[in-house]
């Protein structure tokens, strides 16, 4: 194509061609580097890459009851931390949400993950909701609650009226008529930042009525709706092998999964002996 050009013109054309190649290469490199610097969509990527799990205890702050579930998660390769809440779990639930925030920050720094999964047992579910509605909205992938009094428990209301001296602040906040619950349950009970799952047992005698655990917008699952013959108390929720298998099913990569009677046998087969 250069046969008809003089040697001088040929050198000029070749020089321009080389310059264009260099410019194109530079533009391509800039595009690649620019794409590399753009963060992926946090919601979409987080759903496929589960991060650490934080387990939040209930009223009384007993962390030992969550240890078997944390150990089960660790066997599945998950980074699992049981959160210590202040005031033996009987003080202001909002202060416990601050403690959860600190634990989340530490877990993300330690693992380099972009989001966390939260398991809240009993009042721990309320702590998780307080955290998500405040500082946690951009750092949470999944919230699973176990027997949580999302709309209060009649026992707390009774204790507050009959034995007020025996009903500390966290107890008062679980009264169905409490200001804290009114605030949590106004408008959106399940902010879109997370995938929400609420498990409870129809045999609960602590959270009364048991379906106070229902959350608008969540996947709501009574244990007995999956395995009709399951015998699980409120205290047994975190340690029951069937419930643990259900929790694991909901903490996998991807979106929350519907569970029903057809899943009972498989979940029980997956439970440790």
C-alpha atoms as a PDB file:
ATOM      1  CA  UNK A   1       0.000   0.000   0.000  1.00  0.00           C
ATOM      2  CA  UNK A   2       3.056   2.257   0.362  1.00  0.00           C
ATOM      3  CA  UNK A   3       4.582   1.305  -3.042  1.00  0.00           C
ATOM      4  CA  UNK A   4       3.679   4.608  -4.729  1.00  0.00           C
ATOM      5  CA  UNK A   5       5.033   6.807  -1.926  1.00  0.00           C
ATOM      6  CA  UNK A   6       8.431   8.412  -1.839  1.00  0.00           C
ATOM      7  CA  UNK A   7      10.765   7.238   0.931  1.00  0.00           C
ATOM      8  CA  UNK A   8      10.182  10.470   2.861  1.00  0.00           C
ATOM      9  CA  UNK A   9       6.375  10.251   2.661  1.00  0.00           C
ATOM     10  CA  UNK A  10       6.545   6.565   3.545  1.00  0.00           C
ATOM     11  CA  UNK A  11       8.438   7.413   6.749  1.00  0.00           C
ATOM     12  CA  UNK A  12       5.842  10.025   7.686  1.00  0.00           C
ATOM     13  CA  UNK A  13       2.925   7.647   7.108  1.00  0.00           C
ATOM     14  CA  UNK A  14       4.589   4.857   9.056  1.00  0.00           C
ATOM     15  CA  UNK A  15       5.320   7.274  11.892  1.00  0.00           C
ATOM     16  CA  UNK A  16       1.672   8.393  12.052  1.00  0.00           C
ATOM     17  CA  UNK A  17       0.509   4.773  11.992  1.00  0.00           C
ATOM     18  CA  UNK A  18       2.807   3.908  14.860  1.00  0.00           C
ATOM     19  CA  UNK A  19       1.547   6.911  16.819  1.00  0.00           C
ATOM     20  CA  UNK A  20      -2.075   5.850  16.299  1.00  0.00           C
ATOM     21  CA  UNK A  21      -1.254   2.343  17.548  1.00  0.00           C
ATOM     22  CA  UNK A  22       0.325   3.794  20.702  1.00  0.00           C
ATOM     23  CA  UNK A  23      -2.663   6.078  21.316  1.00  0.00           C
ATOM     24  CA  UNK A  24      -5.104   3.188  20.872  1.00  0.00           C
ATOM     25  CA  UNK A  25      -3.089   1.041  23.262  1.00  0.00           C
ATOM     26  CA  UNK A  26      -3.040   3.817  25.844  1.00  0.00           C
ATOM     27  CA  UNK A  27      -6.799   4.321  25.570  1.00  0.00           C
ATOM     28  CA  UNK A  28      -7.384   0.568  25.929  1.00  0.00           C
ATOM     29  CA  UNK A  29      -5.197   0.414  29.007  1.00  0.00           C
ATOM     30  CA  UNK A  30      -7.044   3.356  30.543  1.00  0.00           C
ATOM     31  CA  UNK A  31     -10.373   1.654  29.909  1.00  0.00           C
ATOM     32  CA  UNK A  32      -9.187  -1.589  31.492  1.00  0.00           C
ATOM     33  CA  UNK A  33      -7.750   0.203  34.503  1.00  0.00           C
ATOM     34  CA  UNK A  34     -10.887   2.322  34.786  1.00  0.00           C
ATOM     35  CA  UNK A  35     -13.118  -0.767  34.858  1.00  0.00           C
ATOM     36  CA  UNK A  36     -10.861  -2.413  37.421  1.00  0.00           C
ATOM     37  CA  UNK A  37     -11.238   0.546  39.746  1.00  0.00           C
ATOM     38  CA  UNK A  38     -15.022   0.586  39.529  1.00  0.00           C
ATOM     39  CA  UNK A  39     -16.518  -1.402  42.425  1.00  0.00           C
ATOM     40  CA  UNK A  40     -18.895  -4.174  41.534  1.00  0.00           C
ATOM     41  CA  UNK A  41     -22.491  -3.808  42.582  1.00  0.00           C
ATOM     42  CA  UNK A  42     -22.310  -4.541  46.343  1.00  0.00           C
ATOM     43  CA  UNK A  43     -25.722  -6.177  46.513  1.00  0.00           C
ATOM     44  CA  UNK A  44     -25.287  -8.536  43.571  1.00  0.00           C
ATOM     45  CA  UNK A  45     -21.736  -9.611  44.363  1.00  0.00           C
ATOM     46  CA  UNK A  46     -22.355  -9.984  48.085  1.00  0.00           C
ATOM     47  CA  UNK A  47     -25.225 -12.417  47.506  1.00  0.00           C
ATOM     48  CA  UNK A  48     -22.835 -14.779  45.718  1.00  0.00           C
ATOM     49  CA  UNK A  49     -19.914 -14.305  48.114  1.00  0.00           C
ATOM     50  CA  UNK A  50     -21.109 -14.813  51.694  1.00  0.00           C
ATOM     51  CA  UNK A  51     -18.850 -13.231  54.263  1.00  0.00           C
ATOM     52  CA  UNK A  52     -18.409 -13.759  58.008  1.00  0.00           C
ATOM     53  CA  UNK A  53     -21.346 -14.640  60.240  1.00  0.00           C
ATOM     54  CA  UNK A  54     -22.074 -12.838  63.499  1.00  0.00           C
ATOM     55  CA  UNK A  55     -24.375 -14.491  66.028  1.00  0.00           C
ATOM     56  CA  UNK A  56     -26.198 -12.210  68.461  1.00  0.00           C
ATOM     57  CA  UNK A  57     -27.521 -13.621  71.758  1.00  0.00           C
ATOM     58  CA  UNK A  58     -30.866 -12.827  73.302  1.00  0.00           C
ATOM     59  CA  UNK A  59     -32.091 -11.432  76.588  1.00  0.00           C
ATOM     60  CA  UNK A  60     -29.573 -12.263  79.300  1.00  0.00           C
ATOM     61  CA  UNK A  61     -26.659 -12.240  76.849  1.00  0.00           C
ATOM     62  CA  UNK A  62     -25.955 -15.976  77.090  1.00  0.00           C
ATOM     63  CA  UNK A  63     -23.350 -16.638  74.379  1.00  0.00           C
ATOM     64  CA  UNK A  64     -22.958 -20.333  75.229  1.00  0.00           C
ATOM     65  CA  UNK A  65     -26.343 -21.201  73.700  1.00  0.00           C
ATOM     66  CA  UNK A  66     -25.085 -19.961  70.313  1.00  0.00           C
ATOM     67  CA  UNK A  67     -21.741 -21.760  70.424  1.00  0.00           C
ATOM     68  CA  UNK A  68     -23.034 -25.061  68.903  1.00  0.00           C
ATOM     69  CA  UNK A  69     -24.467 -23.152  65.935  1.00  0.00           C
ATOM     70  CA  UNK A  70     -21.252 -21.174  65.534  1.00  0.00           C
ATOM     71  CA  UNK A  71     -19.270 -24.444  65.598  1.00  0.00           C
ATOM     72  CA  UNK A  72     -21.584 -25.916  62.969  1.00  0.00           C
ATOM     73  CA  UNK A  73     -20.997 -22.906  60.747  1.00  0.00           C
ATOM     74  CA  UNK A  74     -17.244 -23.222  61.228  1.00  0.00           C
ATOM     75  CA  UNK A  75     -17.399 -26.858  60.109  1.00  0.00           C
ATOM     76  CA  UNK A  76     -19.012 -25.565  56.912  1.00  0.00           C
ATOM     77  CA  UNK A  77     -16.074 -23.221  56.382  1.00  0.00           C
ATOM     78  CA  UNK A  78     -17.734 -20.034  57.589  1.00  0.00           C
ATOM     79  CA  UNK A  79     -16.053 -17.445  59.789  1.00  0.00           C
ATOM     80  CA  UNK A  80     -18.423 -17.324  62.777  1.00  0.00           C
ATOM     81  CA  UNK A  81     -18.279 -14.976  65.770  1.00  0.00           C
ATOM     82  CA  UNK A  82     -20.606 -14.910  68.786  1.00  0.00           C
ATOM     83  CA  UNK A  83     -21.080 -11.269  69.791  1.00  0.00           C
ATOM     84  CA  UNK A  84     -20.783 -10.163  73.401  1.00  0.00           C
ATOM     85  CA  UNK A  85     -23.533  -7.677  74.243  1.00  0.00           C
ATOM     86  CA  UNK A  86     -23.263  -5.165  77.096  1.00  0.00           C
ATOM     87  CA  UNK A  87     -25.237  -5.190  80.306  1.00  0.00           C
ATOM     88  CA  UNK A  88     -25.655  -8.967  80.281  1.00  0.00           C
ATOM     89  CA  UNK A  89     -28.142  -8.495  77.467  1.00  0.00           C
ATOM     90  CA  UNK A  90     -30.698  -6.821  79.732  1.00  0.00           C
ATOM     91  CA  UNK A  91     -29.784  -3.189  79.041  1.00  0.00           C
ATOM     92  CA  UNK A  92     -30.718  -0.891  76.172  1.00  0.00           C
ATOM     93  CA  UNK A  93     -30.972  -2.916  72.962  1.00  0.00           C
ATOM     94  CA  UNK A  94     -29.684   0.122  71.059  1.00  0.00           C
ATOM     95  CA  UNK A  95     -26.407  -0.108  72.999  1.00  0.00           C
ATOM     96  CA  UNK A  96     -26.187  -3.761  72.030  1.00  0.00           C
ATOM     97  CA  UNK A  97     -26.589  -2.676  68.395  1.00  0.00           C
ATOM     98  CA  UNK A  98     -23.506  -0.489  68.846  1.00  0.00           C
ATOM     99  CA  UNK A  99     -21.593  -3.527  70.132  1.00  0.00           C
ATOM    100  CA  UNK A 100     -22.759  -5.463  67.073  1.00  0.00           C
ATOM    101  CA  UNK A 101     -21.523  -2.672  64.811  1.00  0.00           C
ATOM    102  CA  UNK A 102     -18.100  -2.855  66.417  1.00  0.00           C
ATOM    103  CA  UNK A 103     -18.007  -6.634  65.954  1.00  0.00           C
ATOM    104  CA  UNK A 104     -19.025  -6.280  62.296  1.00  0.00           C
ATOM    105  CA  UNK A 105     -16.282  -3.724  61.662  1.00  0.00           C
ATOM    106  CA  UNK A 106     -13.706  -6.047  63.205  1.00  0.00           C
ATOM    107  CA  UNK A 107     -14.945  -9.074  61.226  1.00  0.00           C
ATOM    108  CA  UNK A 108     -14.846  -7.236  57.893  1.00  0.00           C
ATOM    109  CA  UNK A 109     -11.358  -5.881  58.626  1.00  0.00           C
ATOM    110  CA  UNK A 110     -10.125  -9.335  59.585  1.00  0.00           C
ATOM    111  CA  UNK A 111     -11.582 -11.183  56.606  1.00  0.00           C
ATOM    112  CA  UNK A 112     -11.554  -8.533  53.875  1.00  0.00           C
ATOM    113  CA  UNK A 113     -15.177  -9.394  53.057  1.00  0.00           C
ATOM    114  CA  UNK A 114     -17.647  -6.782  51.812  1.00  0.00           C
ATOM    115  CA  UNK A 115     -20.655  -7.843  53.871  1.00  0.00           C
ATOM    116  CA  UNK A 116     -21.749  -9.990  56.801  1.00  0.00           C
ATOM    117  CA  UNK A 117     -24.542 -12.396  57.641  1.00  0.00           C
ATOM    118  CA  UNK A 118     -26.281 -11.899  60.993  1.00  0.00           C
ATOM    119  CA  UNK A 119     -28.059 -14.517  63.095  1.00  0.00           C
ATOM    120  CA  UNK A 120     -30.122 -12.983  65.874  1.00  0.00           C
ATOM    121  CA  UNK A 121     -31.532 -15.282  68.534  1.00  0.00           C
ATOM    122  CA  UNK A 122     -34.571 -14.043  70.472  1.00  0.00           C
ATOM    123  CA  UNK A 123     -33.913 -10.396  71.407  1.00  0.00           C
ATOM    124  CA  UNK A 124     -30.776 -10.674  69.285  1.00  0.00           C
ATOM    125  CA  UNK A 125     -33.052 -10.394  66.275  1.00  0.00           C
ATOM    126  CA  UNK A 126     -34.198  -6.976  67.486  1.00  0.00           C
ATOM    127  CA  UNK A 127     -30.573  -5.955  67.980  1.00  0.00           C
ATOM    128  CA  UNK A 128     -29.838  -7.031  64.407  1.00  0.00           C
ATOM    129  CA  UNK A 129     -32.763  -4.979  63.100  1.00  0.00           C
ATOM    130  CA  UNK A 130     -31.645  -1.912  65.032  1.00  0.00           C
ATOM    131  CA  UNK A 131     -28.176  -2.279  63.551  1.00  0.00           C
ATOM    132  CA  UNK A 132     -29.402  -2.719  59.975  1.00  0.00           C
ATOM    133  CA  UNK A 133     -31.729   0.275  60.246  1.00  0.00           C
ATOM    134  CA  UNK A 134     -28.803   2.356  61.481  1.00  0.00           C
ATOM    135  CA  UNK A 135     -25.162   1.701  60.668  1.00  0.00           C
ATOM    136  CA  UNK A 136     -25.500  -1.669  58.971  1.00  0.00           C
ATOM    137  CA  UNK A 137     -27.522  -1.028  55.845  1.00  0.00           C
ATOM    138  CA  UNK A 138     -24.537  -1.100  53.459  1.00  0.00           C
ATOM    139  CA  UNK A 139     -22.659  -3.968  55.124  1.00  0.00           C
ATOM    140  CA  UNK A 140     -25.258  -6.709  55.514  1.00  0.00           C
ATOM    141  CA  UNK A 141     -26.147  -9.531  53.130  1.00  0.00           C
ATOM    142  CA  UNK A 142     -28.481 -11.755  55.139  1.00  0.00           C
ATOM    143  CA  UNK A 143     -30.338 -11.532  58.464  1.00  0.00           C
ATOM    144  CA  UNK A 144     -31.710 -14.724  60.010  1.00  0.00           C
ATOM    145  CA  UNK A 145     -33.662 -14.439  63.247  1.00  0.00           C
ATOM    146  CA  UNK A 146     -34.605 -17.296  65.578  1.00  0.00           C
ATOM    147  CA  UNK A 147     -37.665 -16.905  67.776  1.00  0.00           C
ATOM    148  CA  UNK A 148     -37.361 -13.122  67.865  1.00  0.00           C
ATOM    149  CA  UNK A 149     -40.177 -11.046  69.392  1.00  0.00           C
ATOM    150  CA  UNK A 150     -40.376  -8.659  66.447  1.00  0.00           C
ATOM    151  CA  UNK A 151     -43.770  -7.468  67.629  1.00  0.00           C
ATOM    152  CA  UNK A 152     -43.093  -8.050  71.314  1.00  0.00           C
ATOM    153  CA  UNK A 153     -43.950 -10.795  73.751  1.00  0.00           C
ATOM    154  CA  UNK A 154     -46.892 -10.765  76.113  1.00  0.00           C
ATOM    155  CA  UNK A 155     -44.585 -12.039  78.868  1.00  0.00           C
ATOM    156  CA  UNK A 156     -42.610  -8.790  78.789  1.00  0.00           C
ATOM    157  CA  UNK A 157     -45.812  -6.766  78.892  1.00  0.00           C
ATOM    158  CA  UNK A 158     -47.030  -8.780  81.868  1.00  0.00           C
ATOM    159  CA  UNK A 159     -43.724  -8.489  83.705  1.00  0.00           C
ATOM    160  CA  UNK A 160     -43.635  -4.746  83.145  1.00  0.00           C
ATOM    161  CA  UNK A 161     -47.105  -4.275  84.613  1.00  0.00           C
ATOM    162  CA  UNK A 162     -47.019  -6.816  87.458  1.00  0.00           C
ATOM    163  CA  UNK A 163     -43.338  -6.866  88.457  1.00  0.00           C
ATOM    164  CA  UNK A 164     -41.811  -3.684  87.014  1.00  0.00           C
ATOM    165  CA  UNK A 165     -38.773  -4.025  89.249  1.00  0.00           C
ATOM    166  CA  UNK A 166     -38.022  -7.375  87.626  1.00  0.00           C
ATOM    167  CA  UNK A 167     -38.298  -6.031  84.062  1.00  0.00           C
ATOM    168  CA  UNK A 168     -35.060  -4.229  83.051  1.00  0.00           C
ATOM    169  CA  UNK A 169     -34.875  -1.933  80.044  1.00  0.00           C
ATOM    170  CA  UNK A 170     -34.473  -4.708  77.438  1.00  0.00           C
ATOM    171  CA  UNK A 171     -37.505  -6.437  78.939  1.00  0.00           C
ATOM    172  CA  UNK A 172     -39.486  -3.194  78.705  1.00  0.00           C
ATOM    173  CA  UNK A 173     -38.400  -2.763  75.079  1.00  0.00           C
ATOM    174  CA  UNK A 174     -39.929  -6.160  74.248  1.00  0.00           C
ATOM    175  CA  UNK A 175     -43.331  -5.088  75.535  1.00  0.00           C
ATOM    176  CA  UNK A 176     -45.637  -5.159  72.471  1.00  0.00           C
ATOM    177  CA  UNK A 177     -46.511  -1.537  73.192  1.00  0.00           C
ATOM    178  CA  UNK A 178     -42.915  -0.278  73.541  1.00  0.00           C
ATOM    179  CA  UNK A 179     -41.637   2.785  71.720  1.00  0.00           C
ATOM    180  CA  UNK A 180     -38.691   0.792  70.345  1.00  0.00           C
ATOM    181  CA  UNK A 181     -40.948  -1.750  68.632  1.00  0.00           C
ATOM    182  CA  UNK A 182     -43.243   0.971  67.357  1.00  0.00           C
ATOM    183  CA  UNK A 183     -40.244   2.636  65.709  1.00  0.00           C
ATOM    184  CA  UNK A 184     -38.859  -0.598  64.260  1.00  0.00           C
ATOM    185  CA  UNK A 185     -42.213  -1.656  62.848  1.00  0.00           C
ATOM    186  CA  UNK A 186     -43.287   1.630  61.341  1.00  0.00           C
ATOM    187  CA  UNK A 187     -43.063   1.669  57.544  1.00  0.00           C
ATOM    188  CA  UNK A 188     -40.482  -0.907  56.350  1.00  0.00           C
ATOM    189  CA  UNK A 189     -39.846  -3.815  58.729  1.00  0.00           C
ATOM    190  CA  UNK A 190     -37.251  -5.375  56.403  1.00  0.00           C
ATOM    191  CA  UNK A 191     -35.027  -2.825  54.634  1.00  0.00           C
ATOM    192  CA  UNK A 192     -33.994  -3.948  51.156  1.00  0.00           C
ATOM    193  CA  UNK A 193     -30.283  -3.980  52.008  1.00  0.00           C
ATOM    194  CA  UNK A 194     -30.558  -7.530  53.333  1.00  0.00           C
ATOM    195  CA  UNK A 195     -32.235 -10.836  52.639  1.00  0.00           C
ATOM    196  CA  UNK A 196     -34.457 -11.498  55.662  1.00  0.00           C
ATOM    197  CA  UNK A 197     -35.473 -14.837  57.155  1.00  0.00           C
ATOM    198  CA  UNK A 198     -37.423 -15.374  60.381  1.00  0.00           C
ATOM    199  CA  UNK A 199     -37.597 -18.842  61.925  1.00  0.00           C
ATOM    200  CA  UNK A 200     -39.717 -19.640  64.953  1.00  0.00           C
ATOM    201  CA  UNK A 201     -41.378 -22.581  66.663  1.00  0.00           C
ATOM    202  CA  UNK A 202     -45.092 -22.899  67.255  1.00  0.00           C
ATOM    203  CA  UNK A 203     -44.174 -24.409  70.650  1.00  0.00           C
ATOM    204  CA  UNK A 204     -42.580 -21.175  71.883  1.00  0.00           C
ATOM    205  CA  UNK A 205     -43.625 -20.317  75.428  1.00  0.00           C
ATOM    206  CA  UNK A 206     -41.275 -17.346  75.792  1.00  0.00           C
ATOM    207  CA  UNK A 207     -42.233 -15.319  72.754  1.00  0.00           C
ATOM    208  CA  UNK A 208     -46.008 -15.187  73.038  1.00  0.00           C
ATOM    209  CA  UNK A 209     -47.736 -15.397  70.717  1.00  0.00           C
ATOM    210  CA  UNK A 210     -45.075 -17.309  68.748  1.00  0.00           C
ATOM    211  CA  UNK A 211     -45.973 -15.686  65.448  1.00  0.00           C
ATOM    212  CA  UNK A 212     -44.875 -12.348  66.876  1.00  0.00           C
ATOM    213  CA  UNK A 213     -41.714 -13.483  65.095  1.00  0.00           C
ATOM    214  CA  UNK A 214     -43.305 -12.729  61.713  1.00  0.00           C
ATOM    215  CA  UNK A 215     -41.667  -9.913  59.760  1.00  0.00           C
ATOM    216  CA  UNK A 216     -43.371  -8.147  56.878  1.00  0.00           C
ATOM    217  CA  UNK A 217     -41.229  -8.646  53.786  1.00  0.00           C
ATOM    218  CA  UNK A 218     -39.206 -11.551  55.211  1.00  0.00           C
ATOM    219  CA  UNK A 219     -39.274 -15.254  54.455  1.00  0.00           C
ATOM    220  CA  UNK A 220     -41.269 -16.372  57.520  1.00  0.00           C
ATOM    221  CA  UNK A 221     -40.910 -20.036  58.457  1.00  0.00           C
ATOM    222  CA  UNK A 222     -42.315 -21.916  61.427  1.00  0.00           C
ATOM    223  CA  UNK A 223     -40.144 -24.976  62.061  1.00  0.00           C
ATOM    224  CA  UNK A 224     -43.272 -27.137  62.141  1.00  0.00           C
ATOM    225  CA  UNK A 225     -44.275 -25.914  58.670  1.00  0.00           C
ATOM    226  CA  UNK A 226     -41.212 -27.762  57.385  1.00  0.00           C
ATOM    227  CA  UNK A 227     -41.233 -30.798  59.697  1.00  0.00           C
ATOM    228  CA  UNK A 228     -44.671 -31.111  61.273  1.00  0.00           C
ATOM    229  CA  UNK A 229     -43.479 -33.454  64.027  1.00  0.00           C
ATOM    230  CA  UNK A 230     -40.560 -31.257  65.120  1.00  0.00           C
ATOM    231  CA  UNK A 231     -40.415 -30.621  68.853  1.00  0.00           C
ATOM    232  CA  UNK A 232     -38.451 -27.451  69.469  1.00  0.00           C
ATOM    233  CA  UNK A 233     -38.735 -25.039  72.391  1.00  0.00           C
ATOM    234  CA  UNK A 234     -37.694 -21.389  72.371  1.00  0.00           C
ATOM    235  CA  UNK A 235     -34.473 -22.234  74.195  1.00  0.00           C
ATOM    236  CA  UNK A 236     -33.816 -25.106  71.809  1.00  0.00           C
ATOM    237  CA  UNK A 237     -33.890 -23.086  68.594  1.00  0.00           C
ATOM    238  CA  UNK A 238     -30.140 -22.374  68.320  1.00  0.00           C
ATOM    239  CA  UNK A 239     -29.074 -25.910  69.274  1.00  0.00           C
ATOM    240  CA  UNK A 240     -31.640 -28.055  67.461  1.00  0.00           C
ATOM    241  CA  UNK A 241     -29.935 -29.908  64.551  1.00  0.00           C
ATOM    242  CA  UNK A 242     -32.923 -29.453  62.245  1.00  0.00           C
ATOM    243  CA  UNK A 243     -33.062 -25.703  62.876  1.00  0.00           C
ATOM    244  CA  UNK A 244     -29.310 -25.477  62.356  1.00  0.00           C
ATOM    245  CA  UNK A 245     -29.697 -27.203  58.965  1.00  0.00           C
ATOM    246  CA  UNK A 246     -32.432 -24.726  58.062  1.00  0.00           C
ATOM    247  CA  UNK A 247     -30.194 -21.811  59.000  1.00  0.00           C
ATOM    248  CA  UNK A 248     -27.343 -23.197  56.890  1.00  0.00           C
ATOM    249  CA  UNK A 249     -29.690 -23.532  53.928  1.00  0.00           C
ATOM    250  CA  UNK A 250     -30.514 -19.833  54.167  1.00  0.00           C
ATOM    251  CA  UNK A 251     -26.920 -18.665  54.545  1.00  0.00           C
ATOM    252  CA  UNK A 252     -25.661 -20.162  51.293  1.00  0.00           C
ATOM    253  CA  UNK A 253     -24.677 -18.174  48.216  1.00  0.00           C
ATOM    254  CA  UNK A 254     -27.547 -16.613  46.313  1.00  0.00           C
ATOM    255  CA  UNK A 255     -30.939 -15.487  47.496  1.00  0.00           C
ATOM    256  CA  UNK A 256     -33.001 -16.871  50.369  1.00  0.00           C
ATOM    257  CA  UNK A 257     -34.689 -20.188  49.592  1.00  0.00           C
ATOM    258  CA  UNK A 258     -38.243 -21.294  50.270  1.00  0.00           C
ATOM    259  CA  UNK A 259     -38.449 -24.224  52.700  1.00  0.00           C
ATOM    260  CA  UNK A 260     -41.431 -26.537  53.103  1.00  0.00           C
ATOM    261  CA  UNK A 261     -42.478 -30.111  53.920  1.00  0.00           C
ATOM    262  CA  UNK A 262     -40.713 -31.491  50.839  1.00  0.00           C
ATOM    263  CA  UNK A 263     -37.401 -30.340  52.358  1.00  0.00           C
ATOM    264  CA  UNK A 264     -37.892 -31.992  55.758  1.00  0.00           C
ATOM    265  CA  UNK A 265     -36.177 -35.303  55.024  1.00  0.00           C
ATOM    266  CA  UNK A 266     -33.190 -33.705  53.303  1.00  0.00           C
ATOM    267  CA  UNK A 267     -32.708 -31.197  56.113  1.00  0.00           C
ATOM    268  CA  UNK A 268     -32.826 -33.948  58.700  1.00  0.00           C
ATOM    269  CA  UNK A 269     -30.387 -36.030  56.671  1.00  0.00           C
ATOM    270  CA  UNK A 270     -28.036 -33.060  56.614  1.00  0.00           C
ATOM    271  CA  UNK A 271     -28.203 -32.584  60.359  1.00  0.00           C
ATOM    272  CA  UNK A 272     -25.270 -33.992  62.361  1.00  0.00           C
ATOM    273  CA  UNK A 273     -25.952 -37.122  64.352  1.00  0.00           C
END
